Amino acid sequence: MGQIKSPLGIGIDTDKAVHIVMADYHSGDILSTTVVIADLRKRFPWFRQTDEELVGFIVRALDGRDIAVSFDHRGR
């Protein structure tokens, strides 16, 4: 997807941003898509992906990890 530049000129791609946010989750945790999306939007407000696109990145980042997911972002 390429890098997206922040207003400060800092480039970071979405995959890397998702991995940064998810670094605090460990095996056996339950991940809330609402919480992760809110954290992504807070830390990287210049990202323009939809919530559904971000969920796709989250799911891909979970590959091989023993973390449960609560897909609770649609109820907001």
PDB file of N, CA and C in Angstrom:
ATOM      1  N   MET A   1       0.827  -1.186   0.000  1.00  0.00           N
ATOM      2  CA  MET A   1       0.000   0.000   0.000  1.00  0.00           C
ATOM      3  C   MET A   1       0.871   1.250   0.000  1.00  0.00           C
ATOM      4  N   GLY A   2       2.111   1.140   0.377  1.00  0.00           N
ATOM      5  CA  GLY A   2       2.993   2.291   0.364  1.00  0.00           C
ATOM      6  C   GLY A   2       2.905   3.099   1.635  1.00  0.00           C
ATOM      7  N   GLN A   3       3.777   4.057   1.697  1.00  0.00           N
ATOM      8  CA  GLN A   3       3.810   4.890   2.887  1.00  0.00           C
ATOM      9  C   GLN A   3       2.869   6.072   2.756  1.00  0.00           C
ATOM     10  N   ILE A   4       2.329   6.461   3.885  1.00  0.00           N
ATOM     11  CA  ILE A   4       1.496   7.650   3.952  1.00  0.00           C
ATOM     12  C   ILE A   4       2.240   8.637   4.835  1.00  0.00           C
ATOM     13  N   LYS A   5       2.430   9.829   4.345  1.00  0.00           N
ATOM     14  CA  LYS A   5       3.190  10.838   5.083  1.00  0.00           C
ATOM     15  C   LYS A   5       2.300  11.569   6.083  1.00  0.00           C
ATOM     16  N   SER A   6       2.839  11.742   7.258  1.00  0.00           N
ATOM     17  CA  SER A   6       2.146  12.536   8.267  1.00  0.00           C
ATOM     18  C   SER A   6       2.348  14.008   7.937  1.00  0.00           C
ATOM     19  N   PRO A   7       1.612  14.888   8.603  1.00  0.00           N
ATOM     20  CA  PRO A   7       1.842  16.320   8.394  1.00  0.00           C
ATOM     21  C   PRO A   7       3.278  16.731   8.720  1.00  0.00           C
ATOM     22  N   LEU A   8       3.971  15.921   9.511  1.00  0.00           N
ATOM     23  CA  LEU A   8       5.358  16.215   9.860  1.00  0.00           C
ATOM     24  C   LEU A   8       6.341  15.623   8.852  1.00  0.00           C
ATOM     25  N   GLY A   9       5.813  14.951   7.832  1.00  0.00           N
ATOM     26  CA  GLY A   9       6.669  14.353   6.819  1.00  0.00           C
ATOM     27  C   GLY A   9       7.185  12.975   7.187  1.00  0.00           C
ATOM     28  N   ILE A  10       6.671  12.405   8.268  1.00  0.00           N
ATOM     29  CA  ILE A  10       7.093  11.074   8.691  1.00  0.00           C
ATOM     30  C   ILE A  10       6.287  10.050   7.905  1.00  0.00           C
ATOM     31  N   GLY A  11       6.967   9.111   7.261  1.00  0.00           N
ATOM     32  CA  GLY A  11       6.279   8.090   6.480  1.00  0.00           C
ATOM     33  C   GLY A  11       6.190   6.776   7.244  1.00  0.00           C
ATOM     34  N   ILE A  12       5.025   6.173   7.240  1.00  0.00           N
ATOM     35  CA  ILE A  12       4.842   4.859   7.853  1.00  0.00           C
ATOM     36  C   ILE A  12       3.738   4.159   7.084  1.00  0.00           C
ATOM     37  N   ASP A  13       3.932   2.860   6.812  1.00  0.00           N
ATOM     38  CA  ASP A  13       2.864   2.168   6.100  1.00  0.00           C
ATOM     39  C   ASP A  13       1.868   1.584   7.102  1.00  0.00           C
ATOM     40  N   THR A  14       0.713   1.238   6.594  1.00  0.00           N
ATOM     41  CA  THR A  14      -0.376   0.794   7.460  1.00  0.00           C
ATOM     42  C   THR A  14      -0.023  -0.496   8.179  1.00  0.00           C
ATOM     43  N   ASP A  15       0.613  -1.436   7.469  1.00  0.00           N
ATOM     44  CA  ASP A  15       1.010  -2.690   8.114  1.00  0.00           C
ATOM     45  C   ASP A  15       1.881  -2.428   9.336  1.00  0.00           C
ATOM     46  N   LYS A  16       2.861  -1.573   9.172  1.00  0.00           N
ATOM     47  CA  LYS A  16       3.776  -1.273  10.276  1.00  0.00           C
ATOM     48  C   LYS A  16       3.024  -0.604  11.429  1.00  0.00           C
ATOM     49  N   ALA A  17       2.118   0.307  11.113  1.00  0.00           N
ATOM     50  CA  ALA A  17       1.343   0.989  12.152  1.00  0.00           C
ATOM     51  C   ALA A  17       0.495  -0.009  12.936  1.00  0.00           C
ATOM     52  N   VAL A  18      -0.148  -0.936  12.238  1.00  0.00           N
ATOM     53  CA  VAL A  18      -0.970  -1.946  12.906  1.00  0.00           C
ATOM     54  C   VAL A  18      -0.102  -2.807  13.824  1.00  0.00           C
ATOM     55  N   HIS A  19       1.067  -3.207  13.346  1.00  0.00           N
ATOM     56  CA  HIS A  19       1.962  -4.014  14.178  1.00  0.00           C
ATOM     57  C   HIS A  19       2.435  -3.238  15.416  1.00  0.00           C
ATOM     58  N   ILE A  20       2.652  -1.950  15.269  1.00  0.00           N
ATOM     59  CA  ILE A  20       3.054  -1.122  16.414  1.00  0.00           C
ATOM     60  C   ILE A  20       1.952  -1.119  17.473  1.00  0.00           C
ATOM     61  N   VAL A  21       0.721  -0.896  17.044  1.00  0.00           N
ATOM     62  CA  VAL A  21      -0.405  -0.838  17.978  1.00  0.00           C
ATOM     63  C   VAL A  21      -0.646  -2.203  18.624  1.00  0.00           C
ATOM     64  N   MET A  22      -0.486  -3.265  17.854  1.00  0.00           N
ATOM     65  CA  MET A  22      -0.778  -4.604  18.354  1.00  0.00           C
ATOM     66  C   MET A  22       0.370  -5.215  19.151  1.00  0.00           C
ATOM     67  N   ALA A  23       1.476  -4.524  19.273  1.00  0.00           N
ATOM     68  CA  ALA A  23       2.625  -5.055  20.019  1.00  0.00           C
ATOM     69  C   ALA A  23       2.294  -5.296  21.490  1.00  0.00           C
ATOM     70  N   ASP A  24       1.283  -4.614  21.998  1.00  0.00           N
ATOM     71  CA  ASP A  24       0.896  -4.766  23.404  1.00  0.00           C
ATOM     72  C   ASP A  24       0.013  -5.987  23.652  1.00  0.00           C
ATOM     73  N   TYR A  25      -0.424  -6.659  22.593  1.00  0.00           N
ATOM     74  CA  TYR A  25      -1.286  -7.829  22.733  1.00  0.00           C
ATOM     75  C   TYR A  25      -0.438  -9.095  22.742  1.00  0.00           C
ATOM     76  N   HIS A  26      -0.832 -10.027  23.614  1.00  0.00           N
ATOM     77  CA  HIS A  26      -0.064 -11.260  23.780  1.00  0.00           C
ATOM     78  C   HIS A  26      -0.985 -12.469  23.654  1.00  0.00           C
ATOM     79  N   SER A  27      -0.384 -13.631  23.544  1.00  0.00           N
ATOM     80  CA  SER A  27      -1.123 -14.878  23.425  1.00  0.00           C
ATOM     81  C   SER A  27      -2.175 -14.977  24.525  1.00  0.00           C
ATOM     82  N   GLY A  28      -3.397 -15.317  24.126  1.00  0.00           N
ATOM     83  CA  GLY A  28      -4.495 -15.456  25.072  1.00  0.00           C
ATOM     84  C   GLY A  28      -5.310 -14.192  25.288  1.00  0.00           C
ATOM     85  N   ASP A  29      -4.833 -13.063  24.784  1.00  0.00           N
ATOM     86  CA  ASP A  29      -5.579 -11.808  24.909  1.00  0.00           C
ATOM     87  C   ASP A  29      -6.795 -11.801  23.987  1.00  0.00           C
ATOM     88  N   ILE A  30      -7.725 -10.920  24.274  1.00  0.00           N
ATOM     89  CA  ILE A  30      -8.866 -10.672  23.391  1.00  0.00           C
ATOM     90  C   ILE A  30      -8.715  -9.264  22.841  1.00  0.00           C
ATOM     91  N   LEU A  31      -8.652  -9.166  21.540  1.00  0.00           N
ATOM     92  CA  LEU A  31      -8.458  -7.893  20.856  1.00  0.00           C
ATOM     93  C   LEU A  31      -9.809  -7.352  20.409  1.00  0.00           C
ATOM     94  N   SER A  32     -10.095  -6.123  20.737  1.00  0.00           N
ATOM     95  CA  SER A  32     -11.309  -5.443  20.298  1.00  0.00           C
ATOM     96  C   SER A  32     -10.970  -4.600  19.069  1.00  0.00           C
ATOM     97  N   THR A  33     -11.674  -4.824  17.969  1.00  0.00           N
ATOM     98  CA  THR A  33     -11.400  -4.019  16.776  1.00  0.00           C
ATOM     99  C   THR A  33     -11.700  -2.546  17.041  1.00  0.00           C
ATOM    100  N   THR A  34     -12.681  -2.256  17.876  1.00  0.00           N
ATOM    101  CA  THR A  34     -12.990  -0.865  18.219  1.00  0.00           C
ATOM    102  C   THR A  34     -11.797  -0.193  18.890  1.00  0.00           C
ATOM    103  N   VAL A  35     -11.177  -0.875  19.826  1.00  0.00           N
ATOM    104  CA  VAL A  35     -10.041  -0.316  20.565  1.00  0.00           C
ATOM    105  C   VAL A  35      -8.838  -0.130  19.650  1.00  0.00           C
ATOM    106  N   VAL A  36      -8.534  -1.136  18.834  1.00  0.00           N
ATOM    107  CA  VAL A  36      -7.364  -1.042  17.951  1.00  0.00           C
ATOM    108  C   VAL A  36      -7.560   0.056  16.908  1.00  0.00           C
ATOM    109  N   ILE A  37      -8.744   0.134  16.310  1.00  0.00           N
ATOM    110  CA  ILE A  37      -9.011   1.183  15.318  1.00  0.00           C
ATOM    111  C   ILE A  37      -8.901   2.565  15.966  1.00  0.00           C
ATOM    112  N   ALA A  38      -9.469   2.728  17.159  1.00  0.00           N
ATOM    113  CA  ALA A  38      -9.380   4.023  17.856  1.00  0.00           C
ATOM    114  C   ALA A  38      -7.926   4.383  18.147  1.00  0.00           C
ATOM    115  N   ASP A  39      -7.134   3.400  18.551  1.00  0.00           N
ATOM    116  CA  ASP A  39      -5.720   3.647  18.835  1.00  0.00           C
ATOM    117  C   ASP A  39      -4.970   4.025  17.559  1.00  0.00           C
ATOM    118  N   LEU A  40      -5.267   3.331  16.456  1.00  0.00           N
ATOM    119  CA  LEU A  40      -4.645   3.685  15.173  1.00  0.00           C
ATOM    120  C   LEU A  40      -5.002   5.109  14.773  1.00  0.00           C
ATOM    121  N   ARG A  41      -6.255   5.471  14.895  1.00  0.00           N
ATOM    122  CA  ARG A  41      -6.697   6.818  14.505  1.00  0.00           C
ATOM    123  C   ARG A  41      -6.096   7.899  15.419  1.00  0.00           C
ATOM    124  N   LYS A  42      -5.883   7.554  16.691  1.00  0.00           N
ATOM    125  CA  LYS A  42      -5.276   8.506  17.624  1.00  0.00           C
ATOM    126  C   LYS A  42      -3.791   8.695  17.318  1.00  0.00           C
ATOM    127  N   ARG A  43      -3.085   7.590  17.116  1.00  0.00           N
ATOM    128  CA  ARG A  43      -1.637   7.664  16.881  1.00  0.00           C
ATOM    129  C   ARG A  43      -1.274   8.117  15.471  1.00  0.00           C
ATOM    130  N   PHE A  44      -2.112   7.759  14.495  1.00  0.00           N
ATOM    131  CA  PHE A  44      -1.825   8.045  13.088  1.00  0.00           C
ATOM    132  C   PHE A  44      -3.041   8.712  12.438  1.00  0.00           C
ATOM    133  N   PRO A  45      -3.396   9.926  12.850  1.00  0.00           N
ATOM    134  CA  PRO A  45      -4.633  10.568  12.390  1.00  0.00           C
ATOM    135  C   PRO A  45      -4.661  10.875  10.893  1.00  0.00           C
ATOM    136  N   TRP A  46      -3.543  10.838  10.233  1.00  0.00           N
ATOM    137  CA  TRP A  46      -3.499  11.123   8.802  1.00  0.00           C
ATOM    138  C   TRP A  46      -3.863   9.912   7.947  1.00  0.00           C
ATOM    139  N   PHE A  47      -4.038   8.741   8.551  1.00  0.00           N
ATOM    140  CA  PHE A  47      -4.446   7.563   7.782  1.00  0.00           C
ATOM    141  C   PHE A  47      -5.871   7.768   7.269  1.00  0.00           C
ATOM    142  N   ARG A  48      -6.118   7.386   6.044  1.00  0.00           N
ATOM    143  CA  ARG A  48      -7.429   7.592   5.424  1.00  0.00           C
ATOM    144  C   ARG A  48      -8.185   6.289   5.165  1.00  0.00           C
ATOM    145  N   GLN A  49      -7.663   5.162   5.648  1.00  0.00           N
ATOM    146  CA  GLN A  49      -8.345   3.892   5.432  1.00  0.00           C
ATOM    147  C   GLN A  49      -9.666   3.866   6.198  1.00  0.00           C
ATOM    148  N   THR A  50     -10.630   3.143   5.631  1.00  0.00           N
ATOM    149  CA  THR A  50     -11.902   2.955   6.330  1.00  0.00           C
ATOM    150  C   THR A  50     -11.690   1.976   7.485  1.00  0.00           C
ATOM    151  N   ASP A  51     -12.669   1.912   8.377  1.00  0.00           N
ATOM    152  CA  ASP A  51     -12.593   0.946   9.470  1.00  0.00           C
ATOM    153  C   ASP A  51     -12.476  -0.473   8.922  1.00  0.00           C
ATOM    154  N   GLU A  52     -13.239  -0.786   7.889  1.00  0.00           N
ATOM    155  CA  GLU A  52     -13.204  -2.136   7.312  1.00  0.00           C
ATOM    156  C   GLU A  52     -11.833  -2.458   6.723  1.00  0.00           C
ATOM    157  N   GLU A  53     -11.198  -1.489   6.081  1.00  0.00           N
ATOM    158  CA  GLU A  53      -9.850  -1.706   5.556  1.00  0.00           C
ATOM    159  C   GLU A  53      -8.867  -1.951   6.697  1.00  0.00           C
ATOM    160  N   LEU A  54      -8.991  -1.192   7.770  1.00  0.00           N
ATOM    161  CA  LEU A  54      -8.109  -1.384   8.921  1.00  0.00           C
ATOM    162  C   LEU A  54      -8.319  -2.755   9.555  1.00  0.00           C
ATOM    163  N   VAL A  55      -9.562  -3.224   9.612  1.00  0.00           N
ATOM    164  CA  VAL A  55      -9.831  -4.563  10.147  1.00  0.00           C
ATOM    165  C   VAL A  55      -9.108  -5.615   9.305  1.00  0.00           C
ATOM    166  N   GLY A  56      -9.079  -5.425   8.000  1.00  0.00           N
ATOM    167  CA  GLY A  56      -8.333  -6.349   7.142  1.00  0.00           C
ATOM    168  C   GLY A  56      -6.857  -6.390   7.509  1.00  0.00           C
ATOM    169  N   PHE A  57      -6.262  -5.239   7.758  1.00  0.00           N
ATOM    170  CA  PHE A  57      -4.858  -5.183   8.181  1.00  0.00           C
ATOM    171  C   PHE A  57      -4.673  -5.865   9.541  1.00  0.00           C
ATOM    172  N   ILE A  58      -5.623  -5.658  10.438  1.00  0.00           N
ATOM    173  CA  ILE A  58      -5.552  -6.269  11.772  1.00  0.00           C
ATOM    174  C   ILE A  58      -5.594  -7.785  11.662  1.00  0.00           C
ATOM    175  N   VAL A  59      -6.529  -8.299  10.875  1.00  0.00           N
ATOM    176  CA  VAL A  59      -6.663  -9.749  10.716  1.00  0.00           C
ATOM    177  C   VAL A  59      -5.390 -10.344  10.123  1.00  0.00           C
ATOM    178  N   ARG A  60      -4.825  -9.695   9.121  1.00  0.00           N
ATOM    179  CA  ARG A  60      -3.575 -10.198   8.528  1.00  0.00           C
ATOM    180  C   ARG A  60      -2.437 -10.184   9.546  1.00  0.00           C
ATOM    181  N   ALA A  61      -2.400  -9.181  10.401  1.00  0.00           N
ATOM    182  CA  ALA A  61      -1.335  -9.088  11.409  1.00  0.00           C
ATOM    183  C   ALA A  61      -1.469 -10.170  12.480  1.00  0.00           C
ATOM    184  N   LEU A  62      -2.652 -10.729  12.627  1.00  0.00           N
ATOM    185  CA  LEU A  62      -2.890 -11.764  13.636  1.00  0.00           C
ATOM    186  C   LEU A  62      -2.525 -13.158  13.156  1.00  0.00           C
ATOM    187  N   ASP A  63      -2.171 -13.314  11.912  1.00  0.00           N
ATOM    188  CA  ASP A  63      -1.867 -14.625  11.339  1.00  0.00           C
ATOM    189  C   ASP A  63      -0.818 -15.350  12.185  1.00  0.00           C
ATOM    190  N   GLY A  64      -1.184 -16.514  12.681  1.00  0.00           N
ATOM    191  CA  GLY A  64      -0.264 -17.320  13.468  1.00  0.00           C
ATOM    192  C   GLY A  64      -0.184 -16.949  14.937  1.00  0.00           C
ATOM    193  N   ARG A  65      -0.932 -15.946  15.351  1.00  0.00           N
ATOM    194  CA  ARG A  65      -0.913 -15.533  16.760  1.00  0.00           C
ATOM    195  C   ARG A  65      -2.151 -16.073  17.470  1.00  0.00           C
ATOM    196  N   ASP A  66      -2.008 -16.406  18.720  1.00  0.00           N
ATOM    197  CA  ASP A  66      -3.082 -16.985  19.527  1.00  0.00           C
ATOM    198  C   ASP A  66      -3.828 -15.878  20.276  1.00  0.00           C
ATOM    199  N   ILE A  67      -4.485 -15.009  19.496  1.00  0.00           N
ATOM    200  CA  ILE A  67      -5.216 -13.873  20.052  1.00  0.00           C
ATOM    201  C   ILE A  67      -6.644 -13.920  19.511  1.00  0.00           C
ATOM    202  N   ALA A  68      -7.611 -13.845  20.406  1.00  0.00           N
ATOM    203  CA  ALA A  68      -9.015 -13.820  19.992  1.00  0.00           C
ATOM    204  C   ALA A  68      -9.380 -12.407  19.551  1.00  0.00           C
ATOM    205  N   VAL A  69     -10.350 -12.327  18.634  1.00  0.00           N
ATOM    206  CA  VAL A  69     -10.762 -11.025  18.113  1.00  0.00           C
ATOM    207  C   VAL A  69     -12.251 -10.822  18.344  1.00  0.00           C
ATOM    208  N   SER A  70     -12.589  -9.672  18.897  1.00  0.00           N
ATOM    209  CA  SER A  70     -13.977  -9.250  19.008  1.00  0.00           C
ATOM    210  C   SER A  70     -14.211  -8.212  17.910  1.00  0.00           C
ATOM    211  N   PHE A  71     -15.003  -8.584  16.909  1.00  0.00           N
ATOM    212  CA  PHE A  71     -15.304  -7.669  15.802  1.00  0.00           C
ATOM    213  C   PHE A  71     -16.462  -6.758  16.224  1.00  0.00           C
ATOM    214  N   ASP A  72     -16.158  -5.831  17.104  1.00  0.00           N
ATOM    215  CA  ASP A  72     -17.186  -4.985  17.704  1.00  0.00           C
ATOM    216  C   ASP A  72     -17.219  -3.572  17.130  1.00  0.00           C
ATOM    217  N   HIS A  73     -16.499  -3.315  16.073  1.00  0.00           N
ATOM    218  CA  HIS A  73     -16.391  -1.962  15.518  1.00  0.00           C
ATOM    219  C   HIS A  73     -17.637  -1.520  14.766  1.00  0.00           C
ATOM    220  N   ARG A  74     -18.463  -2.434  14.332  1.00  0.00           N
ATOM    221  CA  ARG A  74     -19.632  -2.058  13.527  1.00  0.00           C
ATOM    222  C   ARG A  74     -20.777  -1.508  14.356  1.00  0.00           C
ATOM    223  N   GLY A  75     -20.773  -1.741  15.633  1.00  0.00           N
ATOM    224  CA  GLY A  75     -21.858  -1.290  16.494  1.00  0.00           C
ATOM    225  C   GLY A  75     -21.744   0.157  16.930  1.00  0.00           C
ATOM    226  N   ARG A  76     -20.693   0.839  16.497  1.00  0.00           N
ATOM    227  CA  ARG A  76     -20.479   2.220  16.934  1.00  0.00           C
ATOM    228  C   ARG A  76     -21.369   3.165  16.186  1.00  0.00           C
TER     229      ARG A  76
END
